[in-house]
Amino acid sequence: MKSALRRGVPPGRRPVGRAVALLAGVFLAVAAVVITAVVVTGVVDTGDRIDEKVAAVDGHPVTRDELLFHMRRLAPAVQNELRGTYHLRGTTDWNARAGDRTALQRLTSRALDEIRRDRAALVLAKEQGLVGSVDHADFLTALARENASRAEAIAAGRTVYGVAEFTAEEFYTHRLTELTTTLKKRLGADADGPLRVTDAEVRRAFDSDRASWSANATTYRYTRLVVPVADGASPDGAARLHRRVTAAGHLAAVTGESGAELSSGTYDGGGTTGLNAHDQDLMAVLGTLAPGRISAPVTGTGHITYYELDGKEVDEEKAFADYARRIRQSLVEKKFTQFLQRRVDASTTEVDTAAVDAINAEDVQR
């Protein structure tokens, strides 16, 4: 005791120090046991409870809850596909065979594929500093935080854009869309960025398919034949008219139809926004015709109309100016899809088959 006092240590401190050291050792031992349990049993501590790890994508764990989340989210789409392909009717029996696998196995495979693709985008977003984690538990934490923020803003009378409260499915789509939009901008901003689109690339894309990019700068010259149809007229009359039009080859050569009106006109395709119903229909017909060709009959109330495209002129420089931005966006989308697919193809997915097979139809339907 005197030795302790001479060193300036109060009499009651040394036992406490030993207790702290002892507790620290206990904590380290417990931590080691927990870490060992994660490695051996394949579980992930989500904070509230332990969630089973069923797969991993490039080392990032995929939990049972995460897989079920995607299975439930994709279930309606997979149901529709199975009904169309395998003619399944009524309520989907996930245990029923759909080709060489059960419907549940097809849903599981689809969900794992989706996780693999989305994880590639999320890992890329993390590399770019857009998110701090790609784990499902952290996604749920972000959802809770976002909904709490919106509730607080609403309570304070502030404007909240969009929904008042996200469901998990809504927030997942919202978050992934925001991240991919930002990634496209960021990865295409620098001259050496993987999504960079040059002016020359835009021009080449326009030149390679000018017809697809010229509607806004095309003037159409056409002939129109309108033939009245009496109420209750037999369908044979419409069929006879169609045979006459087809045989004549040109609308001007179709004569002798009672009350028929033949006219000509021009249509400027430059006004593609805010079109009325008539202009939308006219554009839909003329835009698919080659010069000299006659349209299929357009049936209206009390009349049948045919259009013949007499010619069209394209202002290519105006077309390029109108569509350059849209072409650039389409090229960025294409590059992003290819860039992400390369990352998906290079990724490694490990699946705990037993853990995945333990998921049943009742789990999905909860």
Protein backbone atom coordinates (compact mmCIF):
# COMPACT_ATOMS: atom_id res chain seq x y z
CA MET A 1 0.00 0.00 0.00
CA LYS A 2 2.82 2.39 0.84
CA SER A 3 4.36 1.65 -2.52
CA ALA A 4 1.13 2.58 -4.22
CA LEU A 5 0.89 5.84 -2.25
CA ARG A 6 4.45 6.78 -3.03
CA ARG A 7 3.69 6.42 -6.76
CA GLY A 8 0.79 8.85 -6.38
CA VAL A 9 -1.91 6.27 -7.02
CA PRO A 10 -4.96 6.42 -4.72
CA PRO A 11 -5.60 3.20 -2.81
CA GLY A 12 -8.86 2.38 -4.65
CA ARG A 13 -7.62 2.79 -8.25
CA ARG A 14 -5.50 -0.27 -8.89
CA PRO A 15 -8.28 -2.86 -8.44
CA VAL A 16 -10.47 -0.84 -10.80
CA GLY A 17 -7.70 -0.81 -13.40
CA ARG A 18 -7.43 -4.58 -13.14
CA ALA A 19 -11.21 -4.87 -13.54
CA VAL A 20 -11.13 -2.71 -16.67
CA ALA A 21 -8.35 -4.82 -18.12
CA LEU A 22 -10.28 -7.96 -17.24
CA LEU A 23 -13.48 -6.60 -18.85
CA ALA A 24 -11.57 -5.54 -21.96
CA GLY A 25 -10.28 -9.06 -22.27
CA VAL A 26 -13.80 -10.42 -21.91
CA PHE A 27 -15.09 -8.01 -24.60
CA LEU A 28 -12.31 -9.03 -26.97
CA ALA A 29 -13.11 -12.66 -26.39
CA VAL A 30 -16.83 -12.05 -27.05
CA ALA A 31 -15.99 -10.09 -30.17
CA ALA A 32 -13.82 -12.93 -31.38
CA VAL A 33 -16.68 -15.37 -30.80
CA VAL A 34 -19.11 -13.12 -32.73
CA ILE A 35 -16.69 -12.72 -35.63
CA THR A 36 -16.10 -16.46 -35.67
CA ALA A 37 -19.86 -17.05 -35.67
CA VAL A 38 -20.28 -14.81 -38.71
CA VAL A 39 -17.57 -16.61 -40.60
CA VAL A 40 -18.65 -20.11 -39.65
CA THR A 41 -22.45 -19.83 -39.66
CA GLY A 42 -22.86 -17.20 -42.38
CA VAL A 43 -25.00 -14.72 -40.48
CA VAL A 44 -25.07 -10.93 -40.58
CA ASP A 45 -25.85 -8.77 -37.56
CA THR A 46 -28.34 -6.13 -38.76
CA GLY A 47 -28.42 -4.41 -35.37
CA ASP A 48 -31.91 -5.49 -34.40
CA ARG A 49 -31.45 -9.19 -35.09
CA ILE A 50 -29.31 -11.74 -36.88
CA ASP A 51 -30.06 -12.15 -40.61
CA GLU A 52 -28.82 -15.21 -42.48
CA LYS A 53 -26.34 -14.75 -45.29
CA VAL A 54 -27.47 -16.69 -48.36
CA ALA A 55 -25.05 -15.41 -51.02
CA ALA A 56 -22.25 -12.95 -51.72
CA VAL A 57 -21.41 -10.77 -54.71
CA ASP A 58 -17.71 -9.92 -54.86
CA GLY A 59 -17.57 -10.48 -51.11
CA HIS A 60 -20.55 -8.27 -50.31
CA PRO A 61 -23.09 -10.35 -48.36
CA VAL A 62 -26.60 -10.96 -49.65
CA THR A 63 -28.91 -11.73 -46.75
CA ARG A 64 -32.06 -13.79 -46.66
CA ASP A 65 -34.13 -10.66 -46.04
CA GLU A 66 -32.55 -8.97 -49.04
CA LEU A 67 -33.26 -11.91 -51.32
CA LEU A 68 -36.86 -12.10 -50.09
CA PHE A 69 -37.26 -8.35 -50.64
CA HIS A 70 -36.31 -8.75 -54.29
CA MET A 71 -38.36 -11.90 -54.74
CA ARG A 72 -41.48 -10.16 -53.43
CA ARG A 73 -40.74 -7.09 -55.52
CA LEU A 74 -40.32 -9.13 -58.71
CA ALA A 75 -43.11 -11.63 -58.06
CA PRO A 76 -45.83 -9.79 -60.08
CA ALA A 77 -43.60 -9.44 -63.16
CA VAL A 78 -42.48 -13.07 -62.98
CA GLN A 79 -46.10 -14.19 -62.56
CA ASN A 80 -47.09 -12.36 -65.76
CA GLU A 81 -44.15 -13.85 -67.65
CA LEU A 82 -45.00 -17.37 -66.48
CA ARG A 83 -48.63 -16.93 -67.47
CA GLY A 84 -47.59 -15.80 -70.95
CA THR A 85 -44.89 -18.41 -71.50
CA TYR A 86 -46.28 -21.44 -69.68
CA HIS A 87 -49.99 -20.53 -69.79
CA LEU A 88 -50.38 -20.66 -66.02
CA ARG A 89 -53.81 -19.50 -64.90
CA GLY A 90 -55.30 -18.15 -61.70
CA THR A 91 -53.27 -17.65 -58.54
CA THR A 92 -49.67 -18.64 -59.12
CA ASP A 93 -48.64 -21.89 -57.47
CA TRP A 94 -44.96 -21.21 -56.85
CA ASN A 95 -44.35 -24.93 -56.35
CA ALA A 96 -45.78 -25.81 -59.77
CA ARG A 97 -43.44 -26.72 -62.63
CA ALA A 98 -42.73 -24.05 -65.22
CA GLY A 99 -40.63 -25.81 -67.82
CA ASP A 100 -37.63 -27.53 -66.26
CA ARG A 101 -37.93 -25.69 -62.93
CA THR A 102 -40.59 -24.66 -60.45
CA ALA A 103 -42.05 -21.18 -60.55
CA LEU A 104 -40.33 -20.44 -57.21
CA GLN A 105 -36.93 -21.48 -58.58
CA ARG A 106 -37.43 -19.16 -61.56
CA LEU A 107 -38.36 -16.30 -59.22
CA THR A 108 -35.30 -16.98 -57.05
CA SER A 109 -32.99 -17.03 -60.06
CA ARG A 110 -34.49 -13.80 -61.35
CA ALA A 111 -34.04 -12.11 -57.97
CA LEU A 112 -30.39 -13.20 -57.69
CA ASP A 113 -29.71 -11.87 -61.20
CA GLU A 114 -31.31 -8.57 -60.24
CA ILE A 115 -29.27 -8.33 -57.06
CA ARG A 116 -26.10 -9.00 -59.04
CA ARG A 117 -26.85 -6.23 -61.55
CA ASP A 118 -27.99 -3.73 -58.95
CA ARG A 119 -25.06 -4.52 -56.67
CA ALA A 120 -22.69 -3.65 -59.52
CA ALA A 121 -24.34 -0.22 -59.77
CA LEU A 122 -24.30 0.27 -55.99
CA VAL A 123 -20.63 -0.71 -55.69
CA LEU A 124 -19.84 1.74 -58.48
CA ALA A 125 -21.79 4.43 -56.62
CA LYS A 126 -19.81 3.65 -53.47
CA GLU A 127 -16.53 3.95 -55.38
CA GLN A 128 -17.69 7.38 -56.54
CA GLY A 129 -18.52 8.43 -52.98
CA LEU A 130 -22.29 8.57 -53.57
CA VAL A 131 -23.17 5.98 -50.90
CA GLY A 132 -21.37 4.72 -47.84
CA SER A 133 -22.65 1.15 -47.96
CA VAL A 134 -24.22 -1.33 -50.36
CA ASP A 135 -25.71 -3.57 -47.67
CA HIS A 136 -29.46 -4.14 -47.44
CA ALA A 137 -29.62 -3.34 -43.72
CA ASP A 138 -28.10 0.10 -44.41
CA PHE A 139 -30.63 0.61 -47.21
CA LEU A 140 -33.43 0.02 -44.70
CA THR A 141 -31.78 2.46 -42.31
CA ALA A 142 -31.66 5.07 -45.09
CA LEU A 143 -35.35 4.41 -45.81
CA ALA A 144 -36.31 4.97 -42.18
CA ARG A 145 -34.20 8.15 -42.06
CA GLU A 146 -35.79 9.51 -45.26
CA ASN A 147 -39.32 8.82 -44.07
CA ALA A 148 -38.60 10.39 -40.68
CA SER A 149 -37.21 13.48 -42.45
CA ARG A 150 -40.32 13.74 -44.62
CA ALA A 151 -42.63 13.34 -41.64
CA GLU A 152 -40.75 16.06 -39.77
CA ALA A 153 -40.93 18.40 -42.76
CA ILE A 154 -44.68 17.82 -43.19
CA ALA A 155 -45.29 18.42 -39.50
CA ALA A 156 -43.36 21.70 -39.77
CA GLY A 157 -45.44 22.80 -42.75
CA ARG A 158 -42.58 22.57 -45.25
CA THR A 159 -43.07 21.42 -48.84
CA VAL A 160 -42.29 17.76 -49.49
CA TYR A 161 -41.97 16.67 -53.10
CA GLY A 162 -43.24 13.23 -54.08
CA VAL A 163 -44.78 10.83 -51.61
CA ALA A 164 -45.22 11.58 -47.93
CA GLU A 165 -43.79 8.18 -47.01
CA PHE A 166 -41.85 5.72 -49.17
CA THR A 167 -42.49 2.01 -49.16
CA ALA A 168 -39.32 -0.07 -49.32
CA GLU A 169 -40.01 -0.91 -52.98
CA GLU A 170 -40.62 2.74 -53.91
CA PHE A 171 -37.51 3.95 -52.10
CA TYR A 172 -35.36 1.25 -53.70
CA THR A 173 -36.43 2.31 -57.19
CA HIS A 174 -36.09 6.00 -56.31
CA ARG A 175 -32.63 5.56 -54.82
CA LEU A 176 -31.30 3.42 -57.67
CA THR A 177 -32.65 5.84 -60.28
CA GLU A 178 -31.03 8.82 -58.54
CA LEU A 179 -27.71 7.02 -58.22
CA THR A 180 -27.58 5.85 -61.85
CA THR A 181 -28.55 9.33 -63.09
CA THR A 182 -25.70 10.86 -61.09
CA LEU A 183 -23.27 8.16 -62.22
CA LYS A 184 -24.06 8.82 -65.88
CA LYS A 185 -23.34 12.51 -65.44
CA ARG A 186 -20.19 12.01 -63.39
CA LEU A 187 -18.63 9.26 -65.53
CA GLY A 188 -19.24 11.23 -68.71
CA ALA A 189 -18.03 14.61 -67.50
CA ASP A 190 -14.27 14.14 -67.93
CA ALA A 191 -12.59 13.87 -71.31
CA ASP A 192 -11.28 10.41 -70.43
CA GLY A 193 -14.44 9.29 -68.61
CA PRO A 194 -15.85 5.87 -69.58
CA LEU A 195 -19.18 7.44 -70.59
CA ARG A 196 -17.78 10.43 -72.46
CA VAL A 197 -19.63 11.05 -75.75
CA THR A 198 -17.89 13.27 -78.29
CA ASP A 199 -19.53 15.52 -80.88
CA ALA A 200 -18.13 13.25 -83.58
CA GLU A 201 -19.88 10.24 -82.03
CA VAL A 202 -23.18 12.12 -81.98
CA ARG A 203 -22.80 13.07 -85.64
CA ARG A 204 -21.92 9.51 -86.65
CA ALA A 205 -24.99 8.19 -84.84
CA PHE A 206 -27.17 10.72 -86.65
CA ASP A 207 -25.66 9.97 -90.07
CA SER A 208 -26.03 6.22 -89.60
CA ASP A 209 -29.81 6.44 -89.10
CA ARG A 210 -31.03 9.81 -90.33
CA ALA A 211 -34.59 8.64 -90.91
CA SER A 212 -35.07 7.91 -87.19
CA TRP A 213 -33.89 11.39 -86.20
CA SER A 214 -35.59 13.53 -88.86
CA ALA A 215 -39.29 13.66 -87.96
CA ASN A 216 -39.04 17.13 -86.39
CA ALA A 217 -37.44 18.59 -89.52
CA THR A 218 -39.49 16.88 -92.23
CA THR A 219 -42.17 18.48 -94.39
CA TYR A 220 -44.67 16.00 -95.84
CA ARG A 221 -46.73 16.50 -99.02
CA TYR A 222 -49.75 14.26 -99.18
CA THR A 223 -53.05 13.51 -100.92
CA ARG A 224 -56.11 12.59 -98.89
CA LEU A 225 -59.22 10.74 -99.95
CA VAL A 226 -62.23 10.85 -97.62
CA VAL A 227 -65.17 8.56 -98.47
CA PRO A 228 -68.42 8.83 -96.46
CA VAL A 229 -69.89 5.68 -94.98
CA ALA A 230 -73.57 5.49 -94.15
CA ASP A 231 -74.70 4.33 -90.72
CA GLY A 232 -75.27 0.60 -90.69
CA ALA A 233 -73.42 0.11 -93.99
CA SER A 234 -72.23 -3.42 -94.74
CA PRO A 235 -68.53 -4.18 -94.18
CA ASP A 236 -68.51 -5.35 -97.78
CA GLY A 237 -68.56 -1.72 -98.89
CA ALA A 238 -65.32 -0.93 -97.00
CA ALA A 239 -63.69 -4.06 -98.42
CA ARG A 240 -64.75 -3.11 -101.95
CA LEU A 241 -63.34 0.42 -101.50
CA HIS A 242 -60.05 -0.99 -100.28
CA ARG A 243 -59.77 -3.21 -103.35
CA ARG A 244 -60.42 -0.21 -105.60
CA VAL A 245 -57.79 1.92 -103.86
CA THR A 246 -55.23 -0.89 -104.04
CA ALA A 247 -55.91 -1.52 -107.72
CA ALA A 248 -55.80 2.20 -108.65
CA GLY A 249 -52.31 2.70 -107.21
CA HIS A 250 -52.92 6.44 -106.67
CA LEU A 251 -55.76 8.13 -104.81
CA ALA A 252 -56.38 10.54 -107.67
CA ALA A 253 -57.30 7.55 -109.83
CA VAL A 254 -60.09 6.46 -107.47
CA THR A 255 -63.26 7.92 -109.03
CA GLY A 256 -66.97 7.32 -108.85
CA GLU A 257 -67.27 7.04 -105.06
CA SER A 258 -70.40 8.91 -103.96
CA GLY A 259 -69.59 11.95 -101.81
CA ALA A 260 -65.83 11.27 -101.87
CA GLU A 261 -63.51 14.25 -101.31
CA LEU A 262 -59.98 14.36 -102.73
CA SER A 263 -57.62 16.99 -101.37
CA SER A 264 -53.91 17.68 -100.95
CA GLY A 265 -51.90 19.30 -98.22
CA THR A 266 -48.58 19.67 -96.47
CA TYR A 267 -47.62 18.89 -92.92
CA ASP A 268 -44.61 20.28 -91.10
CA GLY A 269 -43.33 17.68 -88.65
CA GLY A 270 -41.46 20.34 -86.68
CA GLY A 271 -44.29 20.89 -84.23
CA THR A 272 -44.16 17.53 -82.44
CA THR A 273 -44.98 18.91 -79.00
CA GLY A 274 -48.51 19.81 -77.97
CA LEU A 275 -50.10 18.20 -81.04
CA ASN A 276 -53.86 17.88 -81.20
CA ALA A 277 -55.41 14.46 -81.83
CA HIS A 278 -55.76 15.03 -85.59
CA ASP A 279 -52.09 16.05 -86.01
CA GLN A 280 -50.96 13.10 -83.91
CA ASP A 281 -52.94 10.72 -86.13
CA LEU A 282 -51.66 12.42 -89.29
CA MET A 283 -48.05 12.19 -88.11
CA ALA A 284 -48.50 8.54 -87.15
CA VAL A 285 -49.69 7.75 -90.69
CA LEU A 286 -47.35 9.91 -92.77
CA GLY A 287 -44.28 9.06 -90.73
CA THR A 288 -44.52 5.39 -91.73
CA LEU A 289 -45.11 5.89 -95.47
CA ALA A 290 -42.56 5.95 -98.27
CA PRO A 291 -43.19 8.45 -101.09
CA GLY A 292 -45.79 7.13 -103.52
CA ARG A 293 -47.32 4.68 -101.02
CA ILE A 294 -50.92 4.70 -99.77
CA SER A 295 -51.84 4.19 -96.14
CA ALA A 296 -54.12 1.57 -94.68
CA PRO A 297 -57.70 2.80 -94.28
CA VAL A 298 -58.24 5.13 -91.33
CA THR A 299 -61.76 4.59 -90.04
CA GLY A 300 -63.57 7.53 -88.49
CA THR A 301 -67.15 8.33 -87.53
CA GLY A 302 -69.14 8.19 -90.77
CA HIS A 303 -66.15 8.07 -93.10
CA ILE A 304 -63.03 6.20 -94.24
CA THR A 305 -59.83 8.10 -95.05
CA TYR A 306 -56.81 7.14 -97.12
CA TYR A 307 -53.52 9.05 -97.30
CA GLU A 308 -50.93 8.97 -100.06
CA LEU A 309 -47.48 10.40 -99.43
CA ASP A 310 -46.53 12.47 -102.47
CA GLY A 311 -43.10 13.45 -101.16
CA LYS A 312 -41.11 14.73 -98.20
CA GLU A 313 -38.22 17.10 -97.67
CA VAL A 314 -35.83 16.90 -94.76
CA ASP A 315 -33.81 19.82 -93.38
CA GLU A 316 -30.95 17.69 -92.10
CA GLU A 317 -29.10 20.44 -90.28
CA LYS A 318 -32.27 21.39 -88.42
CA ALA A 319 -32.86 17.71 -87.68
CA PHE A 320 -29.35 17.35 -86.25
CA ALA A 321 -29.75 20.49 -84.14
CA ASP A 322 -33.13 19.28 -82.84
CA TYR A 323 -32.00 15.77 -82.01
CA ALA A 324 -28.32 16.11 -81.03
CA ARG A 325 -29.09 16.24 -77.32
CA ARG A 326 -31.38 13.22 -77.47
CA ILE A 327 -28.82 11.29 -79.50
CA ARG A 328 -26.13 12.12 -76.94
CA GLN A 329 -28.36 10.87 -74.11
CA SER A 330 -29.07 7.64 -75.99
CA LEU A 331 -25.33 7.07 -76.48
CA VAL A 332 -24.65 7.71 -72.79
CA GLU A 333 -27.38 5.21 -71.89
CA LYS A 334 -25.85 2.64 -74.23
CA LYS A 335 -22.34 3.18 -72.87
CA PHE A 336 -23.55 2.99 -69.27
CA THR A 337 -25.41 -0.27 -69.94
CA GLN A 338 -22.30 -1.78 -71.55
CA PHE A 339 -19.98 -0.44 -68.85
CA LEU A 340 -22.14 -1.84 -66.06
CA GLN A 341 -22.58 -5.17 -67.85
CA ARG A 342 -18.81 -5.59 -68.05
CA ARG A 343 -18.62 -5.12 -64.30
CA VAL A 344 -21.43 -7.63 -63.80
CA ASP A 345 -19.69 -10.15 -66.05
CA ALA A 346 -16.45 -9.71 -64.11
CA SER A 347 -18.12 -10.12 -60.72
CA THR A 348 -18.14 -13.32 -58.68
CA THR A 349 -21.33 -14.60 -57.10
CA GLU A 350 -21.31 -17.27 -54.40
CA VAL A 351 -24.64 -18.85 -53.44
CA ASP A 352 -25.38 -20.94 -50.36
CA THR A 353 -27.67 -23.37 -52.17
CA ALA A 354 -29.02 -24.96 -49.01
CA ALA A 355 -29.92 -21.58 -47.50
CA VAL A 356 -31.59 -20.41 -50.71
CA ASP A 357 -33.51 -23.66 -51.15
CA ALA A 358 -34.84 -23.28 -47.61
CA ILE A 359 -36.92 -20.30 -48.78
CA ASN A 360 -40.43 -21.48 -49.60
CA ALA A 361 -43.57 -20.07 -51.21
CA GLU A 362 -45.02 -19.05 -47.86
CA ASP A 363 -41.95 -16.86 -47.19
CA VAL A 364 -42.52 -15.00 -50.46
CA GLN A 365 -46.23 -14.48 -49.86
CA ARG A 366 -45.91 -13.01 -46.37
